Amino acid sequence: MGLMDKLAVEIASILQAPSEGFIEAIRTQSILISNLIALTPIIAPIIHLIRLIYASERVKEAETIIKGLER
């Protein structure tokens, strides 16, 4: 995350007469992106677990319908 912050400041410094607000905006955007990348390993398993729970509920519904049709 620190690398992305330094990179954003360096890119903003290369631009012709960047303002402090512009540099802060680029820094803020890079921090948000790096935080999102850092959260991906945490969020992905949670989403996968939610999908598995949803699929198991659908299987239970399908099983109930099939048993109803067999009678």
PDB file of N, CA and C in Angstrom:
ATOM      1  N   MET A   1       0.827  -1.187   0.000  1.00  0.00           N
ATOM      2  CA  MET A   1       0.000   0.000   0.000  1.00  0.00           C
ATOM      3  C   MET A   1       0.872   1.252   0.000  1.00  0.00           C
ATOM      4  N   GLY A   2       1.974   1.191   0.731  1.00  0.00           N
ATOM      5  CA  GLY A   2       2.878   2.334   0.759  1.00  0.00           C
ATOM      6  C   GLY A   2       3.498   2.590  -0.599  1.00  0.00           C
ATOM      7  N   LEU A   3       3.769   1.509  -1.337  1.00  0.00           N
ATOM      8  CA  LEU A   3       4.352   1.638  -2.670  1.00  0.00           C
ATOM      9  C   LEU A   3       3.387   2.374  -3.603  1.00  0.00           C
ATOM     10  N   MET A   4       2.112   2.018  -3.542  1.00  0.00           N
ATOM     11  CA  MET A   4       1.133   2.691  -4.399  1.00  0.00           C
ATOM     12  C   MET A   4       1.023   4.162  -4.027  1.00  0.00           C
ATOM     13  N   ASP A   5       1.127   4.484  -2.742  1.00  0.00           N
ATOM     14  CA  ASP A   5       1.060   5.866  -2.293  1.00  0.00           C
ATOM     15  C   ASP A   5       2.245   6.651  -2.830  1.00  0.00           C
ATOM     16  N   LYS A   6       3.442   6.078  -2.721  1.00  0.00           N
ATOM     17  CA  LYS A   6       4.636   6.751  -3.237  1.00  0.00           C
ATOM     18  C   LYS A   6       4.567   6.924  -4.750  1.00  0.00           C
ATOM     19  N   LEU A   7       4.084   5.891  -5.435  1.00  0.00           N
ATOM     20  CA  LEU A   7       3.955   5.954  -6.884  1.00  0.00           C
ATOM     21  C   LEU A   7       2.988   7.052  -7.305  1.00  0.00           C
ATOM     22  N   ALA A   8       1.872   7.176  -6.592  1.00  0.00           N
ATOM     23  CA  ALA A   8       0.894   8.206  -6.924  1.00  0.00           C
ATOM     24  C   ALA A   8       1.483   9.599  -6.726  1.00  0.00           C
ATOM     25  N   VAL A   9       2.239   9.795  -5.673  1.00  0.00           N
ATOM     26  CA  VAL A   9       2.866  11.102  -5.425  1.00  0.00           C
ATOM     27  C   VAL A   9       3.901  11.408  -6.494  1.00  0.00           C
ATOM     28  N   GLU A  10       4.684  10.410  -6.890  1.00  0.00           N
ATOM     29  CA  GLU A  10       5.694  10.622  -7.936  1.00  0.00           C
ATOM     30  C   GLU A  10       5.046  10.981  -9.267  1.00  0.00           C
ATOM     31  N   ILE A  11       3.964  10.287  -9.622  1.00  0.00           N
ATOM     32  CA  ILE A  11       3.263  10.589 -10.883  1.00  0.00           C
ATOM     33  C   ILE A  11       2.704  11.998 -10.842  1.00  0.00           C
ATOM     34  N   ALA A  12       2.113  12.367  -9.720  1.00  0.00           N
ATOM     35  CA  ALA A  12       1.547  13.710  -9.600  1.00  0.00           C
ATOM     36  C   ALA A  12       2.639  14.771  -9.641  1.00  0.00           C
ATOM     37  N   SER A  13       3.824  14.458  -9.120  1.00  0.00           N
ATOM     38  CA  SER A  13       4.925  15.422  -9.119  1.00  0.00           C
ATOM     39  C   SER A  13       5.467  15.666 -10.520  1.00  0.00           C
ATOM     40  N   ILE A  14       5.388  14.648 -11.379  1.00  0.00           N
ATOM     41  CA  ILE A  14       5.888  14.782 -12.747  1.00  0.00           C
ATOM     42  C   ILE A  14       5.000  15.721 -13.563  1.00  0.00           C
ATOM     43  N   LEU A  15       3.723  15.762 -13.233  1.00  0.00           N
ATOM     44  CA  LEU A  15       2.799  16.607 -13.981  1.00  0.00           C
ATOM     45  C   LEU A  15       3.193  18.070 -13.855  1.00  0.00           C
ATOM     46  N   GLN A  16       2.770  18.854 -14.810  1.00  0.00           N
ATOM     47  CA  GLN A  16       3.146  20.245 -14.839  1.00  0.00           C
ATOM     48  C   GLN A  16       2.394  21.014 -13.761  1.00  0.00           C
ATOM     49  N   ALA A  17       3.101  21.519 -12.784  1.00  0.00           N
ATOM     50  CA  ALA A  17       2.577  22.340 -11.681  1.00  0.00           C
ATOM     51  C   ALA A  17       1.333  21.733 -11.040  1.00  0.00           C
ATOM     52  N   PRO A  18       1.450  20.549 -10.464  1.00  0.00           N
ATOM     53  CA  PRO A  18       0.272  19.992  -9.796  1.00  0.00           C
ATOM     54  C   PRO A  18      -0.022  20.726  -8.496  1.00  0.00           C
ATOM     55  N   SER A  19      -1.291  20.856  -8.190  1.00  0.00           N
ATOM     56  CA  SER A  19      -1.666  21.513  -6.940  1.00  0.00           C
ATOM     57  C   SER A  19      -1.647  20.489  -5.809  1.00  0.00           C
ATOM     58  N   GLU A  20      -1.615  20.977  -4.585  1.00  0.00           N
ATOM     59  CA  GLU A  20      -1.615  20.083  -3.425  1.00  0.00           C
ATOM     60  C   GLU A  20      -2.908  19.270  -3.366  1.00  0.00           C
ATOM     61  N   GLY A  21      -4.016  19.884  -3.750  1.00  0.00           N
ATOM     62  CA  GLY A  21      -5.297  19.180  -3.752  1.00  0.00           C
ATOM     63  C   GLY A  21      -5.308  18.026  -4.734  1.00  0.00           C
ATOM     64  N   PHE A  22      -4.678  18.256  -5.889  1.00  0.00           N
ATOM     65  CA  PHE A  22      -4.620  17.193  -6.902  1.00  0.00           C
ATOM     66  C   PHE A  22      -3.772  16.031  -6.407  1.00  0.00           C
ATOM     67  N   ILE A  23      -2.637  16.346  -5.787  1.00  0.00           N
ATOM     68  CA  ILE A  23      -1.770  15.290  -5.255  1.00  0.00           C
ATOM     69  C   ILE A  23      -2.506  14.512  -4.172  1.00  0.00           C
ATOM     70  N   GLU A  24      -3.223  15.205  -3.305  1.00  0.00           N
ATOM     71  CA  GLU A  24      -3.991  14.528  -2.248  1.00  0.00           C
ATOM     72  C   GLU A  24      -5.110  13.672  -2.842  1.00  0.00           C
ATOM     73  N   ALA A  25      -5.739  14.129  -3.914  1.00  0.00           N
ATOM     74  CA  ALA A  25      -6.801  13.351  -4.555  1.00  0.00           C
ATOM     75  C   ALA A  25      -6.236  12.054  -5.142  1.00  0.00           C
ATOM     76  N   ILE A  26      -5.091  12.147  -5.804  1.00  0.00           N
ATOM     77  CA  ILE A  26      -4.461  10.945  -6.359  1.00  0.00           C
ATOM     78  C   ILE A  26      -4.037  10.010  -5.234  1.00  0.00           C
ATOM     79  N   ARG A  27      -3.488  10.568  -4.168  1.00  0.00           N
ATOM     80  CA  ARG A  27      -3.068   9.744  -3.028  1.00  0.00           C
ATOM     81  C   ARG A  27      -4.271   9.031  -2.412  1.00  0.00           C
ATOM     82  N   THR A  28      -5.381   9.742  -2.260  1.00  0.00           N
ATOM     83  CA  THR A  28      -6.589   9.149  -1.683  1.00  0.00           C
ATOM     84  C   THR A  28      -7.117   8.022  -2.559  1.00  0.00           C
ATOM     85  N   GLN A  29      -7.137   8.243  -3.867  1.00  0.00           N
ATOM     86  CA  GLN A  29      -7.607   7.205  -4.787  1.00  0.00           C
ATOM     87  C   GLN A  29      -6.709   5.969  -4.731  1.00  0.00           C
ATOM     88  N   SER A  30      -5.406   6.169  -4.677  1.00  0.00           N
ATOM     89  CA  SER A  30      -4.497   5.019  -4.627  1.00  0.00           C
ATOM     90  C   SER A  30      -4.644   4.265  -3.309  1.00  0.00           C
ATOM     91  N   ILE A  31      -4.892   4.969  -2.218  1.00  0.00           N
ATOM     92  CA  ILE A  31      -5.097   4.302  -0.927  1.00  0.00           C
ATOM     93  C   ILE A  31      -6.386   3.490  -0.960  1.00  0.00           C
ATOM     94  N   LEU A  32      -7.447   4.038  -1.552  1.00  0.00           N
ATOM     95  CA  LEU A  32      -8.703   3.301  -1.656  1.00  0.00           C
ATOM     96  C   LEU A  32      -8.531   2.034  -2.493  1.00  0.00           C
ATOM     97  N   ILE A  33      -7.818   2.142  -3.598  1.00  0.00           N
ATOM     98  CA  ILE A  33      -7.593   0.979  -4.464  1.00  0.00           C
ATOM     99  C   ILE A  33      -6.748  -0.068  -3.747  1.00  0.00           C
ATOM    100  N   SER A  34      -5.700   0.355  -3.062  1.00  0.00           N
ATOM    101  CA  SER A  34      -4.855  -0.617  -2.359  1.00  0.00           C
ATOM    102  C   SER A  34      -5.609  -1.282  -1.211  1.00  0.00           C
ATOM    103  N   ASN A  35      -6.495  -0.548  -0.547  1.00  0.00           N
ATOM    104  CA  ASN A  35      -7.309  -1.156   0.509  1.00  0.00           C
ATOM    105  C   ASN A  35      -8.271  -2.185  -0.069  1.00  0.00           C
ATOM    106  N   LEU A  36      -8.832  -1.893  -1.231  1.00  0.00           N
ATOM    107  CA  LEU A  36      -9.723  -2.850  -1.880  1.00  0.00           C
ATOM    108  C   LEU A  36      -8.967  -4.116  -2.264  1.00  0.00           C
ATOM    109  N   ILE A  37      -7.767  -3.959  -2.782  1.00  0.00           N
ATOM    110  CA  ILE A  37      -6.943  -5.117  -3.138  1.00  0.00           C
ATOM    111  C   ILE A  37      -6.590  -5.913  -1.887  1.00  0.00           C
ATOM    112  N   ALA A  38      -6.312  -5.232  -0.791  1.00  0.00           N
ATOM    113  CA  ALA A  38      -5.962  -5.918   0.456  1.00  0.00           C
ATOM    114  C   ALA A  38      -7.151  -6.674   1.034  1.00  0.00           C
ATOM    115  N   LEU A  39      -8.370  -6.190   0.808  1.00  0.00           N
ATOM    116  CA  LEU A  39      -9.566  -6.841   1.349  1.00  0.00           C
ATOM    117  C   LEU A  39     -10.055  -8.011   0.501  1.00  0.00           C
ATOM    118  N   THR A  40      -9.593  -8.122  -0.713  1.00  0.00           N
ATOM    119  CA  THR A  40     -10.073  -9.176  -1.605  1.00  0.00           C
ATOM    120  C   THR A  40      -9.913 -10.584  -1.025  1.00  0.00           C
ATOM    121  N   PRO A  41      -8.779 -10.943  -0.416  1.00  0.00           N
ATOM    122  CA  PRO A  41      -8.670 -12.300   0.156  1.00  0.00           C
ATOM    123  C   PRO A  41      -9.642 -12.550   1.315  1.00  0.00           C
ATOM    124  N   ILE A  42     -10.116 -11.494   1.937  1.00  0.00           N
ATOM    125  CA  ILE A  42     -11.072 -11.644   3.035  1.00  0.00           C
ATOM    126  C   ILE A  42     -12.498 -11.732   2.510  1.00  0.00           C
ATOM    127  N   ILE A  43     -12.812 -10.925   1.517  1.00  0.00           N
ATOM    128  CA  ILE A  43     -14.179 -10.848   1.002  1.00  0.00           C
ATOM    129  C   ILE A  43     -14.522 -12.057   0.128  1.00  0.00           C
ATOM    130  N   ALA A  44     -13.576 -12.544  -0.669  1.00  0.00           N
ATOM    131  CA  ALA A  44     -13.858 -13.638  -1.605  1.00  0.00           C
ATOM    132  C   ALA A  44     -14.371 -14.902  -0.917  1.00  0.00           C
ATOM    133  N   PRO A  45     -13.762 -15.383   0.182  1.00  0.00           N
ATOM    134  CA  PRO A  45     -14.309 -16.575   0.830  1.00  0.00           C
ATOM    135  C   PRO A  45     -15.701 -16.355   1.416  1.00  0.00           C
ATOM    136  N   ILE A  46     -15.963 -15.150   1.887  1.00  0.00           N
ATOM    137  CA  ILE A  46     -17.295 -14.856   2.436  1.00  0.00           C
ATOM    138  C   ILE A  46     -18.343 -14.934   1.335  1.00  0.00           C
ATOM    139  N   ILE A  47     -18.037 -14.375   0.177  1.00  0.00           N
ATOM    140  CA  ILE A  47     -18.970 -14.433  -0.947  1.00  0.00           C
ATOM    141  C   ILE A  47     -19.172 -15.882  -1.389  1.00  0.00           C
ATOM    142  N   HIS A  48     -18.090 -16.655  -1.414  1.00  0.00           N
ATOM    143  CA  HIS A  48     -18.188 -18.067  -1.795  1.00  0.00           C
ATOM    144  C   HIS A  48     -19.069 -18.832  -0.804  1.00  0.00           C
ATOM    145  N   LEU A  49     -18.916 -18.569   0.484  1.00  0.00           N
ATOM    146  CA  LEU A  49     -19.739 -19.212   1.498  1.00  0.00           C
ATOM    147  C   LEU A  49     -21.217 -18.851   1.327  1.00  0.00           C
ATOM    148  N   ILE A  50     -21.491 -17.609   1.026  1.00  0.00           N
ATOM    149  CA  ILE A  50     -22.877 -17.183   0.795  1.00  0.00           C
ATOM    150  C   ILE A  50     -23.471 -17.918  -0.398  1.00  0.00           C
ATOM    151  N   ARG A  51     -22.693 -18.074  -1.458  1.00  0.00           N
ATOM    152  CA  ARG A  51     -23.171 -18.810  -2.635  1.00  0.00           C
ATOM    153  C   ARG A  51     -23.453 -20.273  -2.306  1.00  0.00           C
ATOM    154  N   LEU A  52     -22.579 -20.889  -1.488  1.00  0.00           N
ATOM    155  CA  LEU A  52     -22.798 -22.285  -1.092  1.00  0.00           C
ATOM    156  C   LEU A  52     -24.068 -22.429  -0.263  1.00  0.00           C
ATOM    157  N   ILE A  53     -24.298 -21.510   0.651  1.00  0.00           N
ATOM    158  CA  ILE A  53     -25.517 -21.552   1.473  1.00  0.00           C
ATOM    159  C   ILE A  53     -26.745 -21.402   0.588  1.00  0.00           C
ATOM    160  N   TYR A  54     -26.702 -20.469  -0.341  1.00  0.00           N
ATOM    161  CA  TYR A  54     -27.824 -20.257  -1.251  1.00  0.00           C
ATOM    162  C   TYR A  54     -28.084 -21.509  -2.093  1.00  0.00           C
ATOM    163  N   ALA A  55     -27.011 -22.129  -2.585  1.00  0.00           N
ATOM    164  CA  ALA A  55     -27.159 -23.339  -3.405  1.00  0.00           C
ATOM    165  C   ALA A  55     -27.762 -24.478  -2.588  1.00  0.00           C
ATOM    166  N   SER A  56     -27.340 -24.629  -1.336  1.00  0.00           N
ATOM    167  CA  SER A  56     -27.898 -25.710  -0.516  1.00  0.00           C
ATOM    168  C   SER A  56     -29.374 -25.481  -0.232  1.00  0.00           C
ATOM    169  N   GLU A  57     -29.777 -24.225  -0.078  1.00  0.00           N
ATOM    170  CA  GLU A  57     -31.206 -23.925   0.119  1.00  0.00           C
ATOM    171  C   GLU A  57     -32.007 -24.264  -1.139  1.00  0.00           C
ATOM    172  N   ARG A  58     -31.436 -23.976  -2.283  1.00  0.00           N
ATOM    173  CA  ARG A  58     -32.118 -24.303  -3.545  1.00  0.00           C
ATOM    174  C   ARG A  58     -32.243 -25.822  -3.708  1.00  0.00           C
ATOM    175  N   VAL A  59     -31.230 -26.573  -3.275  1.00  0.00           N
ATOM    176  CA  VAL A  59     -31.280 -28.035  -3.357  1.00  0.00           C
ATOM    177  C   VAL A  59     -32.401 -28.566  -2.470  1.00  0.00           C
ATOM    178  N   LYS A  60     -32.547 -28.000  -1.280  1.00  0.00           N
ATOM    179  CA  LYS A  60     -33.615 -28.425  -0.383  1.00  0.00           C
ATOM    180  C   LYS A  60     -34.990 -28.154  -0.996  1.00  0.00           C
ATOM    181  N   GLU A  61     -35.138 -26.995  -1.642  1.00  0.00           N
ATOM    182  CA  GLU A  61     -36.403 -26.670  -2.312  1.00  0.00           C
ATOM    183  C   GLU A  61     -36.680 -27.651  -3.453  1.00  0.00           C
ATOM    184  N   ALA A  62     -35.665 -27.951  -4.234  1.00  0.00           N
ATOM    185  CA  ALA A  62     -35.827 -28.883  -5.355  1.00  0.00           C
ATOM    186  C   ALA A  62     -36.175 -30.272  -4.843  1.00  0.00           C
ATOM    187  N   GLU A  63     -35.565 -30.684  -3.748  1.00  0.00           N
ATOM    188  CA  GLU A  63     -35.855 -31.991  -3.165  1.00  0.00           C
ATOM    189  C   GLU A  63     -37.315 -32.074  -2.704  1.00  0.00           C
ATOM    190  N   THR A  64     -37.806 -31.008  -2.108  1.00  0.00           N
ATOM    191  CA  THR A  64     -39.201 -30.973  -1.665  1.00  0.00           C
ATOM    192  C   THR A  64     -40.153 -31.069  -2.853  1.00  0.00           C
ATOM    193  N   ILE A  65     -39.843 -30.368  -3.932  1.00  0.00           N
ATOM    194  CA  ILE A  65     -40.703 -30.400  -5.134  1.00  0.00           C
ATOM    195  C   ILE A  65     -40.697 -31.791  -5.740  1.00  0.00           C
ATOM    196  N   ILE A  66     -39.522 -32.399  -5.839  1.00  0.00           N
ATOM    197  CA  ILE A  66     -39.425 -33.749  -6.436  1.00  0.00           C
ATOM    198  C   ILE A  66     -40.182 -34.771  -5.593  1.00  0.00           C
ATOM    199  N   LYS A  67     -40.046 -34.693  -4.288  1.00  0.00           N
ATOM    200  CA  LYS A  67     -40.794 -35.622  -3.410  1.00  0.00           C
ATOM    201  C   LYS A  67     -42.297 -35.414  -3.556  1.00  0.00           C
ATOM    202  N   GLY A  68     -42.707 -34.175  -3.750  1.00  0.00           N
ATOM    203  CA  GLY A  68     -44.124 -33.885  -3.943  1.00  0.00           C
ATOM    204  C   GLY A  68     -44.643 -34.460  -5.253  1.00  0.00           C
ATOM    205  N   LEU A  69     -43.824 -34.472  -6.280  1.00  0.00           N
ATOM    206  CA  LEU A  69     -44.217 -35.003  -7.579  1.00  0.00           C
ATOM    207  C   LEU A  69     -44.279 -36.536  -7.558  1.00  0.00           C
ATOM    208  N   GLU A  70     -43.459 -37.158  -6.722  1.00  0.00           N
ATOM    209  CA  GLU A  70     -43.441 -38.613  -6.670  1.00  0.00           C
ATOM    210  C   GLU A  70     -44.705 -39.190  -6.008  1.00  0.00           C
ATOM    211  N   ARG A  71     -45.360 -38.423  -5.202  1.00  0.00           N
ATOM    212  CA  ARG A  71     -46.547 -38.905  -4.484  1.00  0.00           C
ATOM    213  C   ARG A  71     -47.726 -38.898  -5.359  1.00  0.00           C
TER     214      ARG A  71
END
